N, C-alpha and C. Protein backbone atom coordinates (compact mmCIF):
# COMPACT_ATOMS: atom_id res chain seq x y z
N MET A 1 116.62 44.57 35.61
CA MET A 1 117.36 43.65 34.78
C MET A 1 116.39 42.76 34.01
N ILE A 2 116.73 42.44 32.79
CA ILE A 2 115.93 41.56 31.95
C ILE A 2 116.77 40.34 31.59
N ASN A 3 116.22 39.16 31.83
CA ASN A 3 116.88 37.91 31.46
C ASN A 3 116.02 37.18 30.44
N VAL A 4 116.64 36.78 29.35
CA VAL A 4 115.98 35.97 28.33
C VAL A 4 116.82 34.72 28.18
N THR A 5 116.20 33.57 28.49
CA THR A 5 116.95 32.33 28.55
C THR A 5 116.21 31.23 27.80
N PRO A 6 116.90 30.52 26.91
CA PRO A 6 116.26 29.36 26.30
C PRO A 6 116.16 28.24 27.34
N ILE A 7 115.01 27.55 27.35
CA ILE A 7 114.85 26.39 28.22
C ILE A 7 114.27 25.25 27.39
N THR A 8 114.40 24.05 27.92
CA THR A 8 113.88 22.87 27.24
C THR A 8 112.94 22.12 28.17
N ILE A 9 111.79 21.76 27.66
CA ILE A 9 110.84 20.93 28.40
C ILE A 9 110.53 19.73 27.52
N ASP A 10 110.86 18.54 28.01
CA ASP A 10 110.66 17.30 27.26
C ASP A 10 111.21 17.41 25.83
N HIS A 11 112.40 17.93 25.71
CA HIS A 11 113.13 18.05 24.44
C HIS A 11 112.58 19.13 23.51
N TYR A 12 111.65 19.97 23.97
CA TYR A 12 111.10 21.04 23.14
C TYR A 12 111.61 22.39 23.64
N PRO A 13 111.98 23.29 22.73
CA PRO A 13 112.55 24.57 23.14
C PRO A 13 111.48 25.63 23.46
N PHE A 14 111.77 26.43 24.46
CA PHE A 14 110.94 27.55 24.87
C PHE A 14 111.86 28.70 25.27
N ILE A 15 111.30 29.88 25.41
CA ILE A 15 112.06 31.05 25.85
C ILE A 15 111.49 31.52 27.18
N ALA A 16 112.34 31.62 28.20
CA ALA A 16 111.95 32.14 29.51
C ALA A 16 112.38 33.59 29.62
N ILE A 17 111.47 34.44 30.06
CA ILE A 17 111.75 35.86 30.19
C ILE A 17 111.43 36.29 31.62
N SER A 18 112.39 36.97 32.23
CA SER A 18 112.22 37.48 33.57
C SER A 18 112.61 38.95 33.58
N VAL A 19 111.71 39.79 34.06
CA VAL A 19 111.98 41.23 34.15
C VAL A 19 111.89 41.61 35.62
N GLN A 20 113.01 42.04 36.18
CA GLN A 20 113.04 42.44 37.58
C GLN A 20 112.71 43.92 37.68
N LEU A 21 111.61 44.20 38.37
CA LEU A 21 111.13 45.56 38.58
C LEU A 21 111.10 45.85 40.08
N PRO A 22 110.99 47.11 40.47
CA PRO A 22 110.89 47.39 41.90
C PRO A 22 109.69 46.66 42.52
N LYS A 23 109.97 45.89 43.53
CA LYS A 23 108.96 45.17 44.32
C LYS A 23 108.21 44.07 43.60
N THR A 24 108.62 43.72 42.38
CA THR A 24 107.96 42.62 41.67
C THR A 24 108.84 42.11 40.53
N ASN A 25 108.52 40.94 40.05
CA ASN A 25 109.15 40.37 38.86
C ASN A 25 108.05 40.01 37.87
N LEU A 26 108.30 40.27 36.61
CA LEU A 26 107.42 39.80 35.55
C LEU A 26 108.05 38.54 34.99
N LEU A 27 107.28 37.48 34.89
CA LEU A 27 107.79 36.19 34.42
C LEU A 27 106.93 35.67 33.29
N ALA A 28 107.58 35.13 32.26
CA ALA A 28 106.85 34.53 31.15
C ALA A 28 107.70 33.44 30.53
N VAL A 29 107.04 32.44 29.99
CA VAL A 29 107.70 31.41 29.18
C VAL A 29 106.88 31.28 27.92
N ALA A 30 107.56 31.36 26.76
CA ALA A 30 106.84 31.41 25.49
C ALA A 30 107.30 30.33 24.53
N SER A 31 106.35 29.95 23.67
CA SER A 31 106.62 29.09 22.52
C SER A 31 106.25 29.91 21.29
N GLU A 32 106.27 29.30 20.13
CA GLU A 32 105.85 30.02 18.93
C GLU A 32 104.34 30.23 18.89
N LYS A 33 103.57 29.42 19.63
CA LYS A 33 102.10 29.52 19.60
C LYS A 33 101.52 30.35 20.73
N GLY A 34 102.19 30.39 21.87
CA GLY A 34 101.59 31.07 23.01
C GLY A 34 102.55 31.18 24.18
N TYR A 35 102.00 31.51 25.35
CA TYR A 35 102.85 31.72 26.51
C TYR A 35 102.07 31.55 27.80
N ILE A 36 102.83 31.34 28.88
CA ILE A 36 102.29 31.41 30.23
C ILE A 36 103.00 32.57 30.91
N MET A 37 102.32 33.15 31.89
CA MET A 37 102.88 34.32 32.53
C MET A 37 102.43 34.38 33.99
N CYS A 38 103.11 35.22 34.74
CA CYS A 38 102.76 35.43 36.14
C CYS A 38 101.44 36.20 36.25
N GLY A 39 101.07 36.56 37.45
CA GLY A 39 99.81 37.21 37.73
C GLY A 39 99.61 38.56 37.06
N ALA A 40 100.65 39.14 36.47
CA ALA A 40 100.51 40.43 35.78
C ALA A 40 99.71 40.32 34.49
N LEU A 41 99.54 39.10 33.99
CA LEU A 41 98.80 38.90 32.74
C LEU A 41 97.32 39.14 32.95
N ASP A 42 96.71 39.92 32.10
CA ASP A 42 95.29 40.23 32.18
C ASP A 42 94.53 39.35 31.18
N VAL A 43 94.17 38.15 31.61
CA VAL A 43 93.49 37.19 30.75
C VAL A 43 92.13 37.73 30.31
N ALA A 44 91.43 38.42 31.19
CA ALA A 44 90.11 38.98 30.83
C ALA A 44 90.26 39.95 29.65
N LEU A 45 91.28 40.77 29.66
CA LEU A 45 91.52 41.69 28.54
C LEU A 45 91.75 40.92 27.25
N LEU A 46 92.56 39.87 27.33
CA LEU A 46 92.85 39.07 26.13
C LEU A 46 91.58 38.40 25.61
N ASN A 47 90.73 37.93 26.51
CA ASN A 47 89.50 37.25 26.11
C ASN A 47 88.42 38.21 25.62
N GLU A 48 88.39 39.40 26.17
CA GLU A 48 87.31 40.32 25.83
C GLU A 48 87.71 41.30 24.72
N LYS A 49 88.69 42.09 24.96
CA LYS A 49 89.05 43.16 24.01
C LYS A 49 89.90 42.67 22.84
N LEU A 50 90.67 41.60 23.07
CA LEU A 50 91.59 41.12 22.03
C LEU A 50 91.25 39.71 21.55
N ARG A 51 90.04 39.27 21.80
CA ARG A 51 89.63 37.89 21.48
C ARG A 51 89.86 37.55 20.00
N ASP A 52 89.64 38.52 19.12
CA ASP A 52 89.79 38.26 17.69
C ASP A 52 91.23 37.90 17.30
N ARG A 53 92.18 38.18 18.16
CA ARG A 53 93.58 37.85 17.89
C ARG A 53 93.91 36.38 18.17
N GLY A 54 93.05 35.71 18.93
CA GLY A 54 93.27 34.29 19.23
C GLY A 54 94.55 34.04 20.03
N ILE A 55 94.81 34.87 21.02
CA ILE A 55 96.03 34.75 21.82
C ILE A 55 95.94 33.54 22.73
N VAL A 56 96.95 32.68 22.63
CA VAL A 56 97.04 31.47 23.47
C VAL A 56 97.90 31.83 24.67
N ALA A 57 97.27 31.89 25.86
CA ALA A 57 98.01 32.28 27.05
C ALA A 57 97.35 31.73 28.30
N GLY A 58 98.17 31.59 29.34
CA GLY A 58 97.70 31.18 30.65
C GLY A 58 98.40 31.97 31.73
N ARG A 59 97.74 32.09 32.87
CA ARG A 59 98.25 32.89 33.98
C ARG A 59 98.35 32.05 35.24
N ALA A 60 99.49 32.17 35.92
CA ALA A 60 99.68 31.55 37.22
C ALA A 60 99.97 32.66 38.23
N VAL A 61 99.39 32.57 39.39
CA VAL A 61 99.58 33.61 40.40
C VAL A 61 100.45 33.10 41.55
N GLY A 62 101.09 34.04 42.24
CA GLY A 62 101.90 33.69 43.40
C GLY A 62 103.25 33.09 43.07
N VAL A 63 103.73 33.28 41.85
CA VAL A 63 105.02 32.71 41.47
C VAL A 63 106.09 33.80 41.48
N ARG A 64 107.31 33.41 41.82
CA ARG A 64 108.41 34.37 41.91
C ARG A 64 109.61 33.99 41.07
N THR A 65 109.57 32.79 40.50
CA THR A 65 110.67 32.32 39.65
C THR A 65 110.10 31.60 38.44
N ILE A 66 110.92 31.43 37.43
CA ILE A 66 110.52 30.67 36.25
C ILE A 66 110.19 29.23 36.65
N GLU A 67 110.98 28.67 37.53
CA GLU A 67 110.74 27.28 37.96
C GLU A 67 109.37 27.15 38.61
N GLN A 68 109.00 28.12 39.45
CA GLN A 68 107.68 28.10 40.07
C GLN A 68 106.58 28.26 39.03
N LEU A 69 106.81 29.12 38.04
CA LEU A 69 105.83 29.32 36.97
C LEU A 69 105.58 28.02 36.22
N LEU A 70 106.61 27.26 35.97
CA LEU A 70 106.47 25.99 35.25
C LEU A 70 105.68 24.95 36.06
N GLU A 71 105.81 24.98 37.37
CA GLU A 71 105.16 23.98 38.23
C GLU A 71 103.79 24.42 38.74
N ALA A 72 103.50 25.70 38.68
CA ALA A 72 102.25 26.22 39.26
C ALA A 72 101.05 25.85 38.41
N PRO A 73 99.90 25.65 39.06
CA PRO A 73 98.66 25.45 38.31
C PRO A 73 98.20 26.78 37.71
N LEU A 74 97.70 26.73 36.50
CA LEU A 74 97.21 27.95 35.86
C LEU A 74 95.91 28.38 36.53
N GLU A 75 95.82 29.64 36.84
CA GLU A 75 94.66 30.22 37.50
C GLU A 75 93.60 30.64 36.49
N SER A 76 94.05 31.01 35.29
CA SER A 76 93.13 31.38 34.21
C SER A 76 93.83 31.17 32.88
N VAL A 77 93.02 30.94 31.84
CA VAL A 77 93.56 30.73 30.49
C VAL A 77 92.65 31.43 29.49
N THR A 78 93.19 31.73 28.33
CA THR A 78 92.39 32.37 27.29
C THR A 78 91.50 31.34 26.58
N VAL A 79 90.52 31.85 25.88
CA VAL A 79 89.63 31.00 25.10
C VAL A 79 90.45 30.22 24.07
N ALA A 80 91.40 30.88 23.42
CA ALA A 80 92.24 30.21 22.42
C ALA A 80 93.07 29.10 23.05
N ALA A 81 93.51 29.28 24.30
CA ALA A 81 94.25 28.22 25.00
C ALA A 81 93.33 27.04 25.29
N GLU A 82 92.10 27.32 25.71
CA GLU A 82 91.13 26.25 25.96
C GLU A 82 90.90 25.41 24.71
N GLU A 83 90.90 26.06 23.56
CA GLU A 83 90.70 25.34 22.30
C GLU A 83 91.82 24.37 21.99
N LEU A 84 93.00 24.58 22.61
CA LEU A 84 94.13 23.65 22.46
C LEU A 84 94.14 22.58 23.54
N GLY A 85 93.15 22.62 24.45
CA GLY A 85 93.08 21.64 25.52
C GLY A 85 93.78 22.09 26.80
N ILE A 86 94.12 23.35 26.90
CA ILE A 86 94.76 23.90 28.09
C ILE A 86 93.65 24.32 29.05
N THR A 87 93.76 23.89 30.30
CA THR A 87 92.69 24.14 31.26
C THR A 87 93.21 24.81 32.53
N VAL A 88 92.31 25.46 33.22
CA VAL A 88 92.61 26.00 34.55
C VAL A 88 93.01 24.83 35.44
N GLY A 89 94.06 25.02 36.23
CA GLY A 89 94.54 23.97 37.12
C GLY A 89 95.68 23.15 36.53
N MET A 90 95.87 23.22 35.22
CA MET A 90 96.96 22.52 34.56
C MET A 90 98.29 23.17 34.94
N LYS A 91 99.32 22.36 35.15
CA LYS A 91 100.65 22.92 35.41
C LYS A 91 101.14 23.73 34.21
N GLY A 92 101.89 24.77 34.50
CA GLY A 92 102.41 25.62 33.45
C GLY A 92 103.19 24.86 32.40
N LYS A 93 104.07 23.95 32.81
CA LYS A 93 104.88 23.22 31.84
C LYS A 93 104.02 22.32 30.96
N ASP A 94 102.94 21.76 31.51
CA ASP A 94 102.05 20.92 30.70
C ASP A 94 101.30 21.75 29.67
N ALA A 95 100.91 22.96 30.08
CA ALA A 95 100.25 23.88 29.13
C ALA A 95 101.21 24.24 28.00
N LEU A 96 102.46 24.52 28.32
CA LEU A 96 103.44 24.87 27.30
C LEU A 96 103.62 23.74 26.29
N LEU A 97 103.61 22.52 26.76
CA LEU A 97 103.77 21.39 25.85
C LEU A 97 102.60 21.30 24.86
N LYS A 98 101.43 21.79 25.25
CA LYS A 98 100.30 21.84 24.31
C LYS A 98 100.41 23.01 23.33
N MET A 99 101.31 23.94 23.65
CA MET A 99 101.50 25.11 22.80
C MET A 99 102.63 24.94 21.79
N ARG A 100 103.24 23.79 21.74
CA ARG A 100 104.41 23.63 20.85
C ARG A 100 104.00 23.38 19.43
């Protein structure tokens, strides 16, 4: 099952996406500039092979719900995210607010 839900953080709109797969869930919350995602996100790939695209993204591990993704500290972020002031350890929702 795939769920796409609009959410609001501090009066700003975002899109939450949840994909239920066998034995795992893929979770992401996106803005127009970037996104945060569960542990399935390959930040190294984005930084190395796709760096020229300037993808703004962060990864949180060990999350099972959108709510957990928003509260979890980011385990890794892309170079483009760092340029916006998004850092490892920052809560997902705080990173999203920098992506608006």
